[in-house]
Amino acid sequence: MPPSQNDRKQQFLAGARDTFPLLVGAWPFGLIYGALGIASGLSPLATAAMSAVVFAGSAQFIAVSLVAAGTPVLVIALTTFVVNARHILYAATLAPQLKGLSTRWLAPLGFWLTDESFVVAAKGFEERKTLEERKWYLLGSEIAMFLNWQIATWVGIAAGQAIPDPASWGLEFALVVTFLGMLVPMLKGRPELISVLVAAATALLAINLPHRSGLLLAAVLGILAGLLAERAWPRKEPA
């Protein structure tokens, strides 16, 4: 029996509700991004457009910082691509649980997929066994994140135009706390732990490289370390 409109609404709202704690953590991040976009020389429209079209917080932050540092466009594109490469792994992880969805659904769900929605879906899908439940649940989470990010960006743009140095507020700690809250529960095996340690150590050791290329190097080495560890210690299939 196809799900009723009420069932869809319940799953959509459940996805948004389960994402709410992460919305709170992402809000200061979006606010600072909007403010830094203005401080970096982007117009309000360009800053907002990046949030609407790119919709990738960490990549947007890095791109704005690189623009302010006068980094070549090719380096900006390569760096943001590598930073966002984790989304390929996110999509590959969720794909088996969304098998059978049409492109009309997969395309927007793929575009709106974020770190936060991935974490929410990875846990929420365990309780939802049908494709209909999962797609509406994930959509609710993603729409909540998208709207939260757009509003926070516009508030940050307004703040960036009114306050000389909004970065001095120190709100970026919220981003660190949010990502740690998402990251730690996912460190369930040796490959994940090795990947994180290698990336963190590289980022610290390469912090003085030009154009913040240490972040690019840390991402690449972290991914490689995780892949090598995965081969060295393959996961045991559930009996």
Foldseek 3Di string as FASTA:
>chain_A
DDDDPVLLVVLLVLLQVLLVVLLVLCLVLLLQLLLLLVVLPHDNVVSLVCCVQQVARVLSVLLSVLSSVVHDPVVSVLQSCLVCVVLVVLCVVCCVQQPPDDCVQVVVLSRLDYLSLSLSLVVVVVVPRDNSSSSSNSNSNSVSNSVSSSVSSSNSNVCSVVDPCPVVVVSCVSVVVSVCVSLVVVCPDDLSVQLVVQLVVQLVVCVPPPSSCSNVVSSVVSVVSSVVVCVVPPDDDDD
